[in-house]
C-alpha atoms as a PDB file:
ATOM      1  CA  MET A   1       0.000   0.000   0.000  1.00  0.00           C
ATOM      2  CA  SER A   2       2.784   2.373   0.929  1.00  0.00           C
ATOM      3  CA  THR A   3       4.575   1.675  -2.347  1.00  0.00           C
ATOM      4  CA  ARG A   4       1.379   2.375  -4.296  1.00  0.00           C
ATOM      5  CA  VAL A   5       0.842   5.680  -2.455  1.00  0.00           C
ATOM      6  CA  HIS A   6       4.382   6.813  -3.227  1.00  0.00           C
ATOM      7  CA  PHE A   7       3.944   5.835  -6.861  1.00  0.00           C
ATOM      8  CA  VAL A   8       0.742   7.874  -7.149  1.00  0.00           C
ATOM      9  CA  LYS A   9       2.310  10.887  -5.413  1.00  0.00           C
ATOM     10  CA  ASN A  10       5.382  10.766  -7.631  1.00  0.00           C
ATOM     11  CA  SER A  11       3.211  10.416 -10.730  1.00  0.00           C
ATOM     12  CA  LEU A  12       1.098  13.409  -9.722  1.00  0.00           C
ATOM     13  CA  ALA A  13       4.204  15.476  -9.021  1.00  0.00           C
ATOM     14  CA  ALA A  14       5.647  14.603 -12.419  1.00  0.00           C
ATOM     15  CA  LEU A  15       2.353  15.490 -14.122  1.00  0.00           C
ATOM     16  CA  ALA A  16       2.201  18.815 -12.279  1.00  0.00           C
ATOM     17  CA  THR A  17       5.742  19.664 -13.393  1.00  0.00           C
ATOM     18  CA  LEU A  18       4.880  18.778 -16.979  1.00  0.00           C
ATOM     19  CA  LEU A  19       1.750  20.930 -16.916  1.00  0.00           C
ATOM     20  CA  MET A  20       3.690  23.846 -15.460  1.00  0.00           C
ATOM     21  CA  THR A  21       6.280  23.537 -18.208  1.00  0.00           C
ATOM     22  CA  PHE A  22       3.653  23.678 -20.947  1.00  0.00           C
ATOM     23  CA  SER A  23       1.756  26.523 -19.294  1.00  0.00           C
ATOM     24  CA  VAL A  24       4.824  28.728 -18.670  1.00  0.00           C
ATOM     25  CA  ALA A  25       6.739  28.263 -21.933  1.00  0.00           C
ATOM     26  CA  PRO A  26       4.135  29.788 -24.291  1.00  0.00           C
ATOM     27  CA  GLN A  27       3.730  32.768 -21.989  1.00  0.00           C
ATOM     28  CA  ALA A  28       7.497  33.405 -21.971  1.00  0.00           C
ATOM     29  CA  ALA A  29       7.602  33.061 -25.756  1.00  0.00           C
ATOM     30  CA  ASP A  30       4.845  35.677 -26.049  1.00  0.00           C
ATOM     31  CA  GLU A  31       6.774  38.316 -24.096  1.00  0.00           C
ATOM     32  CA  PRO A  32       8.077  41.198 -26.247  1.00  0.00           C
ATOM     33  CA  LEU A  33      11.705  41.137 -27.299  1.00  0.00           C
ATOM     34  CA  VAL A  34      13.521  44.323 -26.265  1.00  0.00           C
ATOM     35  CA  LEU A  35      15.558  45.943 -29.025  1.00  0.00           C
ATOM     36  CA  GLY A  36      18.137  48.246 -27.455  1.00  0.00           C
ATOM     37  CA  ILE A  37      19.509  51.021 -29.672  1.00  0.00           C
ATOM     38  CA  PHE A  38      22.535  52.964 -28.454  1.00  0.00           C
ATOM     39  CA  PRO A  39      22.059  56.752 -28.279  1.00  0.00           C
ATOM     40  CA  ARG A  40      23.516  57.504 -31.695  1.00  0.00           C
ATOM     41  CA  PHE A  41      20.751  60.073 -32.212  1.00  0.00           C
ATOM     42  CA  ALA A  42      18.326  61.835 -29.871  1.00  0.00           C
ATOM     43  CA  ALA A  43      15.744  59.474 -28.347  1.00  0.00           C
ATOM     44  CA  THR A  44      12.900  60.577 -30.613  1.00  0.00           C
ATOM     45  CA  ALA A  45      15.134  60.275 -33.677  1.00  0.00           C
ATOM     46  CA  VAL A  46      16.148  56.746 -32.621  1.00  0.00           C
ATOM     47  CA  HIS A  47      12.506  55.654 -32.464  1.00  0.00           C
ATOM     48  CA  ASP A  48      11.703  57.287 -35.805  1.00  0.00           C
ATOM     49  CA  ALA A  49      14.738  55.674 -37.450  1.00  0.00           C
ATOM     50  CA  PHE A  50      14.278  52.128 -36.170  1.00  0.00           C
ATOM     51  CA  ASP A  51      10.531  51.736 -35.650  1.00  0.00           C
ATOM     52  CA  PRO A  52      10.010  50.373 -39.203  1.00  0.00           C
ATOM     53  CA  LEU A  53      12.735  47.783 -38.563  1.00  0.00           C
ATOM     54  CA  ALA A  54      11.194  46.793 -35.215  1.00  0.00           C
ATOM     55  CA  LYS A  55       7.803  46.290 -36.882  1.00  0.00           C
ATOM     56  CA  TYR A  56       9.438  44.209 -39.621  1.00  0.00           C
ATOM     57  CA  LEU A  57      11.178  42.025 -37.025  1.00  0.00           C
ATOM     58  CA  SER A  58       7.907  41.598 -35.128  1.00  0.00           C
ATOM     59  CA  THR A  59       6.281  40.239 -38.267  1.00  0.00           C
ATOM     60  CA  GLU A  60       9.197  37.977 -39.169  1.00  0.00           C
ATOM     61  CA  LEU A  61       9.566  36.548 -35.657  1.00  0.00           C
ATOM     62  CA  GLY A  62       5.873  36.357 -34.850  1.00  0.00           C
ATOM     63  CA  ARG A  63       6.577  38.202 -31.634  1.00  0.00           C
ATOM     64  CA  GLU A  64       6.490  41.861 -30.636  1.00  0.00           C
ATOM     65  CA  VAL A  65       9.803  43.690 -30.798  1.00  0.00           C
ATOM     66  CA  LYS A  66       9.870  46.965 -28.875  1.00  0.00           C
ATOM     67  CA  ILE A  67      12.550  49.655 -29.058  1.00  0.00           C
ATOM     68  CA  GLU A  68      14.342  51.116 -26.073  1.00  0.00           C
ATOM     69  CA  THR A  69      17.143  53.660 -25.933  1.00  0.00           C
ATOM     70  CA  THR A  70      18.820  55.804 -23.293  1.00  0.00           C
ATOM     71  CA  LYS A  71      19.733  59.445 -22.892  1.00  0.00           C
ATOM     72  CA  ASP A  72      23.482  58.769 -22.894  1.00  0.00           C
ATOM     73  CA  GLN A  73      26.179  56.127 -23.183  1.00  0.00           C
ATOM     74  CA  ASN A  74      26.539  55.645 -19.416  1.00  0.00           C
ATOM     75  CA  ALA A  75      22.889  54.688 -19.021  1.00  0.00           C
ATOM     76  CA  PHE A  76      23.159  52.461 -22.090  1.00  0.00           C
ATOM     77  CA  ALA A  77      26.193  50.666 -20.613  1.00  0.00           C
ATOM     78  CA  GLU A  78      24.251  50.038 -17.392  1.00  0.00           C
ATOM     79  CA  ALA A  79      21.366  48.510 -19.350  1.00  0.00           C
ATOM     80  CA  LEU A  80      23.810  46.280 -21.211  1.00  0.00           C
ATOM     81  CA  ALA A  81      25.449  45.145 -17.984  1.00  0.00           C
ATOM     82  CA  SER A  82      22.048  44.149 -16.602  1.00  0.00           C
ATOM     83  CA  LYS A  83      21.274  42.246 -19.847  1.00  0.00           C
ATOM     84  CA  ARG A  84      18.211  44.404 -20.358  1.00  0.00           C
ATOM     85  CA  TYR A  85      18.195  43.988 -24.136  1.00  0.00           C
ATOM     86  CA  ASP A  86      17.424  40.839 -26.128  1.00  0.00           C
ATOM     87  CA  ILE A  87      18.599  42.339 -29.419  1.00  0.00           C
ATOM     88  CA  VAL A  88      20.968  45.276 -29.382  1.00  0.00           C
ATOM     89  CA  HIS A  89      22.505  47.759 -31.833  1.00  0.00           C
ATOM     90  CA  PHE A  90      25.662  49.497 -30.623  1.00  0.00           C
ATOM     91  CA  ASN A  91      29.209  50.540 -31.362  1.00  0.00           C
ATOM     92  CA  GLN A  92      32.197  48.250 -31.651  1.00  0.00           C
ATOM     93  CA  LEU A  93      33.494  48.946 -28.139  1.00  0.00           C
ATOM     94  CA  ASN A  94      30.060  48.238 -26.648  1.00  0.00           C
ATOM     95  CA  TYR A  95      30.054  44.928 -28.484  1.00  0.00           C
ATOM     96  CA  VAL A  96      33.430  43.564 -27.416  1.00  0.00           C
ATOM     97  CA  GLU A  97      32.800  44.569 -23.790  1.00  0.00           C
ATOM     98  CA  SER A  98      29.292  43.105 -23.649  1.00  0.00           C
ATOM     99  CA  HIS A  99      30.376  39.935 -25.456  1.00  0.00           C
ATOM    100  CA  ALA A 100      32.957  39.314 -22.743  1.00  0.00           C
ATOM    101  CA  SER A 101      30.886  40.323 -19.727  1.00  0.00           C
ATOM    102  CA  SER A 102      27.207  39.859 -20.584  1.00  0.00           C
ATOM    103  CA  GLY A 103      27.022  37.172 -23.254  1.00  0.00           C
ATOM    104  CA  TYR A 104      26.018  39.116 -26.380  1.00  0.00           C
ATOM    105  CA  ASP A 105      26.901  37.563 -29.760  1.00  0.00           C
ATOM    106  CA  VAL A 106      27.205  39.607 -32.941  1.00  0.00           C
ATOM    107  CA  VAL A 107      24.940  38.569 -35.832  1.00  0.00           C
ATOM    108  CA  ALA A 108      25.159  41.508 -38.252  1.00  0.00           C
ATOM    109  CA  ILE A 109      26.765  44.869 -38.956  1.00  0.00           C
ATOM    110  CA  ASN A 110      25.630  48.034 -40.696  1.00  0.00           C
ATOM    111  CA  GLU A 111      26.351  48.893 -44.281  1.00  0.00           C
ATOM    112  CA  GLU A 112      26.279  52.672 -44.738  1.00  0.00           C
ATOM    113  CA  PHE A 113      26.923  54.475 -48.020  1.00  0.00           C
ATOM    114  CA  GLY A 114      27.614  51.036 -49.504  1.00  0.00           C
ATOM    115  CA  LYS A 115      30.375  50.203 -46.994  1.00  0.00           C
ATOM    116  CA  GLY A 116      30.409  47.537 -44.281  1.00  0.00           C
ATOM    117  CA  THR A 117      33.466  49.093 -42.642  1.00  0.00           C
ATOM    118  CA  VAL A 118      34.263  52.441 -41.072  1.00  0.00           C
ATOM    119  CA  GLY A 119      37.498  54.171 -40.150  1.00  0.00           C
ATOM    120  CA  GLY A 120      38.448  56.924 -37.786  1.00  0.00           C
ATOM    121  CA  ALA A 121      39.113  60.250 -39.499  1.00  0.00           C
ATOM    122  CA  PHE A 122      40.452  63.653 -38.581  1.00  0.00           C
ATOM    123  CA  VAL A 123      38.597  66.606 -40.051  1.00  0.00           C
ATOM    124  CA  VAL A 124      40.166  70.055 -40.408  1.00  0.00           C
ATOM    125  CA  ARG A 125      39.278  73.327 -42.074  1.00  0.00           C
ATOM    126  CA  LYS A 126      40.636  73.603 -45.597  1.00  0.00           C
ATOM    127  CA  ASP A 127      42.248  76.921 -44.634  1.00  0.00           C
ATOM    128  CA  SER A 128      43.922  75.497 -41.502  1.00  0.00           C
ATOM    129  CA  GLY A 129      47.274  74.898 -43.173  1.00  0.00           C
ATOM    130  CA  ILE A 130      47.475  71.459 -41.485  1.00  0.00           C
ATOM    131  CA  LYS A 131      48.777  68.843 -43.922  1.00  0.00           C
ATOM    132  CA  ASN A 132      49.670  65.853 -41.724  1.00  0.00           C
ATOM    133  CA  LEU A 133      48.975  64.396 -38.296  1.00  0.00           C
ATOM    134  CA  SER A 134      52.356  65.331 -36.835  1.00  0.00           C
ATOM    135  CA  GLU A 135      51.352  69.000 -37.137  1.00  0.00           C
ATOM    136  CA  LEU A 136      48.639  68.420 -34.515  1.00  0.00           C
ATOM    137  CA  ARG A 137      51.301  68.413 -31.784  1.00  0.00           C
ATOM    138  CA  GLY A 138      50.373  71.040 -29.207  1.00  0.00           C
ATOM    139  CA  LYS A 139      47.042  71.725 -30.933  1.00  0.00           C
ATOM    140  CA  THR A 140      43.475  71.272 -29.658  1.00  0.00           C
ATOM    141  CA  ILE A 141      41.636  68.237 -30.997  1.00  0.00           C
ATOM    142  CA  VAL A 142      37.952  67.792 -30.185  1.00  0.00           C
ATOM    143  CA  PHE A 143      36.730  64.195 -30.345  1.00  0.00           C
ATOM    144  CA  GLY A 144      33.088  63.383 -30.985  1.00  0.00           C
ATOM    145  CA  GLY A 145      31.158  61.205 -28.545  1.00  0.00           C
ATOM    146  CA  GLY A 146      33.576  60.985 -25.623  1.00  0.00           C
ATOM    147  CA  PRO A 147      36.330  58.521 -24.639  1.00  0.00           C
ATOM    148  CA  LYS A 148      34.116  55.474 -25.284  1.00  0.00           C
ATOM    149  CA  ALA A 149      33.498  56.388 -28.917  1.00  0.00           C
ATOM    150  CA  MET A 150      35.210  53.568 -30.791  1.00  0.00           C
ATOM    151  CA  VAL A 151      35.647  55.244 -34.158  1.00  0.00           C
ATOM    152  CA  ALA A 152      35.720  58.961 -33.344  1.00  0.00           C
ATOM    153  CA  TYR A 153      38.041  58.592 -30.353  1.00  0.00           C
ATOM    154  CA  ILE A 154      39.799  55.237 -29.913  1.00  0.00           C
ATOM    155  CA  ALA A 155      40.532  54.543 -33.588  1.00  0.00           C
ATOM    156  CA  ASN A 156      41.742  58.119 -34.000  1.00  0.00           C
ATOM    157  CA  VAL A 157      44.038  57.966 -30.969  1.00  0.00           C
ATOM    158  CA  VAL A 158      45.609  54.917 -32.630  1.00  0.00           C
ATOM    159  CA  GLN A 159      46.187  57.073 -35.714  1.00  0.00           C
ATOM    160  CA  LEU A 160      47.953  59.661 -33.566  1.00  0.00           C
ATOM    161  CA  GLN A 161      50.090  56.970 -31.940  1.00  0.00           C
ATOM    162  CA  LYS A 162      51.255  55.784 -35.368  1.00  0.00           C
ATOM    163  CA  ALA A 163      52.148  59.392 -36.198  1.00  0.00           C
ATOM    164  CA  GLY A 164      54.329  59.510 -33.079  1.00  0.00           C
ATOM    165  CA  LEU A 165      51.927  61.472 -30.864  1.00  0.00           C
ATOM    166  CA  LYS A 166      51.135  60.286 -27.361  1.00  0.00           C
ATOM    167  CA  LYS A 167      48.473  61.570 -24.993  1.00  0.00           C
ATOM    168  CA  GLY A 168      49.706  64.870 -23.656  1.00  0.00           C
ATOM    169  CA  ASP A 169      51.308  65.822 -26.975  1.00  0.00           C
ATOM    170  CA  TYR A 170      48.015  67.439 -27.977  1.00  0.00           C
ATOM    171  CA  LYS A 171      45.109  69.078 -26.142  1.00  0.00           C
ATOM    172  CA  GLU A 172      42.175  66.689 -25.865  1.00  0.00           C
ATOM    173  CA  GLU A 173      38.574  67.887 -25.677  1.00  0.00           C
ATOM    174  CA  PHE A 174      35.243  66.117 -26.204  1.00  0.00           C
ATOM    175  CA  ALA A 175      32.012  67.048 -27.925  1.00  0.00           C
ATOM    176  CA  LYS A 176      28.647  65.309 -27.576  1.00  0.00           C
ATOM    177  CA  SER A 177      28.863  63.847 -31.078  1.00  0.00           C
ATOM    178  CA  PRO A 178      31.113  63.789 -34.154  1.00  0.00           C
ATOM    179  CA  VAL A 179      28.944  66.392 -35.865  1.00  0.00           C
ATOM    180  CA  ASN A 180      29.361  68.690 -32.851  1.00  0.00           C
ATOM    181  CA  ALA A 181      33.114  68.122 -33.010  1.00  0.00           C
ATOM    182  CA  MET A 182      33.195  69.029 -36.700  1.00  0.00           C
ATOM    183  CA  THR A 183      31.033  72.080 -36.009  1.00  0.00           C
ATOM    184  CA  ALA A 184      33.594  73.234 -33.425  1.00  0.00           C
ATOM    185  CA  VAL A 185      36.318  72.972 -36.070  1.00  0.00           C
ATOM    186  CA  PHE A 186      34.156  74.797 -38.591  1.00  0.00           C
ATOM    187  CA  HIS A 187      33.846  77.670 -36.102  1.00  0.00           C
ATOM    188  CA  LYS A 188      37.620  77.545 -35.400  1.00  0.00           C
ATOM    189  CA  GLN A 189      37.170  76.455 -31.787  1.00  0.00           C
ATOM    190  CA  ALA A 190      39.596  73.584 -32.378  1.00  0.00           C
ATOM    191  CA  ILE A 191      42.116  72.738 -35.072  1.00  0.00           C
ATOM    192  CA  ALA A 192      40.881  69.183 -35.759  1.00  0.00           C
ATOM    193  CA  ALA A 193      37.898  66.956 -35.064  1.00  0.00           C
ATOM    194  CA  GLY A 194      37.982  63.231 -34.371  1.00  0.00           C
ATOM    195  CA  ALA A 195      35.118  61.702 -36.344  1.00  0.00           C
ATOM    196  CA  GLY A 196      34.428  58.840 -38.763  1.00  0.00           C
ATOM    197  CA  ASP A 197      35.388  58.635 -42.414  1.00  0.00           C
ATOM    198  CA  ILE A 198      31.769  59.037 -43.524  1.00  0.00           C
ATOM    199  CA  GLY A 199      31.135  62.010 -41.248  1.00  0.00           C
ATOM    200  CA  LEU A 200      31.306  64.654 -43.958  1.00  0.00           C
ATOM    201  CA  LYS A 201      29.028  62.613 -46.251  1.00  0.00           C
ATOM    202  CA  GLN A 202      26.472  62.312 -43.466  1.00  0.00           C
ATOM    203  CA  GLN A 203      26.402  66.085 -43.021  1.00  0.00           C
ATOM    204  CA  ALA A 204      26.076  67.032 -46.688  1.00  0.00           C
ATOM    205  CA  GLY A 205      23.356  69.644 -46.937  1.00  0.00           C
ATOM    206  CA  ASN A 206      23.600  70.644 -43.274  1.00  0.00           C
ATOM    207  CA  GLU A 207      22.738  74.343 -43.174  1.00  0.00           C
ATOM    208  CA  VAL A 208      24.626  74.897 -39.915  1.00  0.00           C
ATOM    209  CA  LEU A 209      27.809  73.073 -40.906  1.00  0.00           C
ATOM    210  CA  ASP A 210      29.241  73.918 -44.346  1.00  0.00           C
ATOM    211  CA  VAL A 211      31.156  70.748 -45.208  1.00  0.00           C
ATOM    212  CA  ASP A 212      32.660  72.463 -48.256  1.00  0.00           C
ATOM    213  CA  GLU A 213      34.869  74.391 -45.823  1.00  0.00           C
ATOM    214  CA  LEU A 214      36.182  71.157 -44.280  1.00  0.00           C
ATOM    215  CA  SER A 215      38.365  68.288 -45.457  1.00  0.00           C
ATOM    216  CA  ILE A 216      39.580  64.938 -44.171  1.00  0.00           C
ATOM    217  CA  LEU A 217      43.177  65.101 -42.997  1.00  0.00           C
ATOM    218  CA  SER A 218      43.699  61.392 -42.388  1.00  0.00           C
ATOM    219  CA  VAL A 219      41.759  58.103 -42.302  1.00  0.00           C
ATOM    220  CA  GLY A 220      42.759  55.154 -40.136  1.00  0.00           C
ATOM    221  CA  GLU A 221      42.355  51.388 -40.379  1.00  0.00           C
ATOM    222  CA  GLN A 222      38.952  50.087 -41.354  1.00  0.00           C
ATOM    223  CA  LEU A 223      36.835  48.441 -38.632  1.00  0.00           C
ATOM    224  CA  PRO A 224      33.670  46.377 -38.953  1.00  0.00           C
ATOM    225  CA  HIS A 225      30.733  48.765 -38.905  1.00  0.00           C
ATOM    226  CA  LEU A 226      28.274  49.222 -36.024  1.00  0.00           C
ATOM    227  CA  ALA A 227      27.142  45.878 -34.626  1.00  0.00           C
ATOM    228  CA  TRP A 228      23.863  44.045 -34.092  1.00  0.00           C
ATOM    229  CA  ALA A 229      23.991  41.372 -31.393  1.00  0.00           C
ATOM    230  CA  VAL A 230      21.703  38.947 -29.597  1.00  0.00           C
ATOM    231  CA  LYS A 231      21.716  37.870 -25.952  1.00  0.00           C
ATOM    232  CA  ASN A 232      22.985  34.294 -26.014  1.00  0.00           C
ATOM    233  CA  SER A 233      20.438  33.127 -23.452  1.00  0.00           C
ATOM    234  CA  LEU A 234      17.772  33.367 -26.176  1.00  0.00           C
ATOM    235  CA  GLY A 235      19.069  30.117 -27.614  1.00  0.00           C
ATOM    236  CA  ALA A 236      20.467  29.106 -30.992  1.00  0.00           C
ATOM    237  CA  GLY A 237      17.088  28.714 -32.712  1.00  0.00           C
ATOM    238  CA  LEU A 238      15.767  32.195 -31.957  1.00  0.00           C
ATOM    239  CA  THR A 239      19.182  33.757 -32.550  1.00  0.00           C
ATOM    240  CA  LYS A 240      19.264  32.219 -36.036  1.00  0.00           C
ATOM    241  CA  LYS A 241      15.753  33.517 -36.791  1.00  0.00           C
ATOM    242  CA  ILE A 242      16.758  37.025 -35.713  1.00  0.00           C
ATOM    243  CA  GLN A 243      19.932  36.934 -37.789  1.00  0.00           C
ATOM    244  CA  ASP A 244      18.116  35.628 -40.859  1.00  0.00           C
ATOM    245  CA  ALA A 245      15.480  38.349 -40.554  1.00  0.00           C
ATOM    246  CA  LEU A 246      18.111  41.092 -40.292  1.00  0.00           C
ATOM    247  CA  LEU A 247      20.129  39.817 -43.231  1.00  0.00           C
ATOM    248  CA  LYS A 248      17.160  39.585 -45.581  1.00  0.00           C
ATOM    249  CA  VAL A 249      15.621  42.954 -44.758  1.00  0.00           C
ATOM    250  CA  LYS A 250      17.002  44.556 -47.950  1.00  0.00           C
ATOM    251  CA  GLY A 251      15.147  42.068 -50.122  1.00  0.00           C
ATOM    252  CA  SER A 252      11.901  42.303 -48.172  1.00  0.00           C
ATOM    253  CA  LYS A 253       8.756  44.016 -49.458  1.00  0.00           C
ATOM    254  CA  ASP A 254       9.400  47.280 -47.586  1.00  0.00           C
ATOM    255  CA  GLY A 255      13.162  46.830 -47.298  1.00  0.00           C
ATOM    256  CA  ALA A 256      14.145  50.029 -49.096  1.00  0.00           C
ATOM    257  CA  GLU A 257      11.957  52.162 -46.815  1.00  0.00           C
ATOM    258  CA  ILE A 258      13.096  50.323 -43.662  1.00  0.00           C
ATOM    259  CA  LEU A 259      16.770  50.850 -44.481  1.00  0.00           C
ATOM    260  CA  LYS A 260      16.265  54.463 -45.541  1.00  0.00           C
ATOM    261  CA  ALA A 261      14.555  55.282 -42.242  1.00  0.00           C
ATOM    262  CA  ALA A 262      17.482  53.737 -40.318  1.00  0.00           C
ATOM    263  CA  ARG A 263      19.982  55.604 -42.533  1.00  0.00           C
ATOM    264  CA  LEU A 264      21.451  52.331 -43.804  1.00  0.00           C
ATOM    265  CA  THR A 265      22.078  50.784 -47.200  1.00  0.00           C
ATOM    266  CA  ASN A 266      22.076  47.164 -45.962  1.00  0.00           C
ATOM    267  CA  LEU A 267      22.764  44.808 -43.064  1.00  0.00           C
ATOM    268  CA  LEU A 268      25.647  42.369 -43.496  1.00  0.00           C
ATOM    269  CA  PRO A 269      26.666  39.109 -41.755  1.00  0.00           C
ATOM    270  CA  ALA A 270      29.321  39.293 -39.035  1.00  0.00           C
ATOM    271  CA  LYS A 271      31.132  37.059 -36.559  1.00  0.00           C
ATOM    272  CA  ASP A 272      33.044  37.695 -33.365  1.00  0.00           C
ATOM    273  CA  ALA A 273      36.451  37.160 -35.007  1.00  0.00           C
ATOM    274  CA  ASP A 274      35.791  40.234 -37.182  1.00  0.00           C
ATOM    275  CA  PHE A 275      36.213  42.356 -34.052  1.00  0.00           C
ATOM    276  CA  GLU A 276      39.782  41.309 -33.178  1.00  0.00           C
ATOM    277  CA  ILE A 277      41.052  44.561 -34.703  1.00  0.00           C
ATOM    278  CA  VAL A 278      38.762  46.420 -32.299  1.00  0.00           C
ATOM    279  CA  ARG A 279      40.202  44.546 -29.315  1.00  0.00           C
ATOM    280  CA  ARG A 280      43.740  45.348 -30.456  1.00  0.00           C
ATOM    281  CA  MET A 281      42.978  49.062 -30.775  1.00  0.00           C
ATOM    282  CA  ILE A 282      41.398  49.182 -27.322  1.00  0.00           C
ATOM    283  CA  LYS A 283      44.554  47.639 -25.827  1.00  0.00           C
ATOM    284  CA  ASP A 284      46.812  50.034 -27.730  1.00  0.00           C
ATOM    285  CA  VAL A 285      44.952  53.082 -26.424  1.00  0.00           C
ATOM    286  CA  ALA A 286      44.827  51.715 -22.877  1.00  0.00           C
ATOM    287  CA  ALA A 287      48.609  51.249 -22.982  1.00  0.00           C
ATOM    288  CA  ASP A 288      49.187  54.897 -23.956  1.00  0.00           C
ATOM    289  CA  THR A 289      50.055  56.620 -20.686  1.00  0.00           C
ATOM    290  CA  GLY A 290      51.399  59.724 -22.346  1.00  0.00           C
ATOM    291  CA  PRO A 291      54.698  61.535 -21.755  1.00  0.00           C
ATOM    292  CA  LYS A 292      56.715  60.533 -18.700  1.00  0.00           C
END
């Protein structure tokens, strides 16, 4: 009798566990996926730019995808550290840090102006008289986006290192964004701006910043463009669906409009090994302690 009672109890417990599994799993699968977009633009501009893509992903995945962004990079880094986002779009530094600490895996990169890479670039006024990087010694350089900006700051500091300039050999200032940095140079508030090699193209037609008065002094090594990554706890199946959806957006029914809104020309495949150059640059800049 005792054996029979234990058998019945164990069977009921197993059935209860099975029922709980089937009742919880669909609910979890119905929860929205959070698409985190780094604060490349103002919050309202981020939503306008990426809302068509979020709606496309919702349709492709059969599950709501909702956009979130933050007011600045510090708040964005905190959200990454807490694994707030399921899918995330961010810069190269954000990616390598979050891959190591929070388990995000890259699945795609931007293509902008037909390029899947981007390089750091220094922008000067055409009438500045500056012809090479070595002439920036002792001059004020304003970098766009702050010390965590992979292209505008870190990649450009590497350029300066290769030209024989260490931290302290030039005056370092920061602007909120690369366009603000270039605007400062336009108004002669600094001799050079640290930006990206497509910065002047992006600002063509800007009524405040006359790009015809500016030129690119130097362009550094090419890096993989801005990354798209997925939290690895989502599992291989869902990760593959997300990657496939991103990579086929250009050929989709509304692909041209979706990409135009996001200021992209395509989304391209990527893997973690593509970001080894980024890791090397980060180490090189960290090792630069300036003049002794």
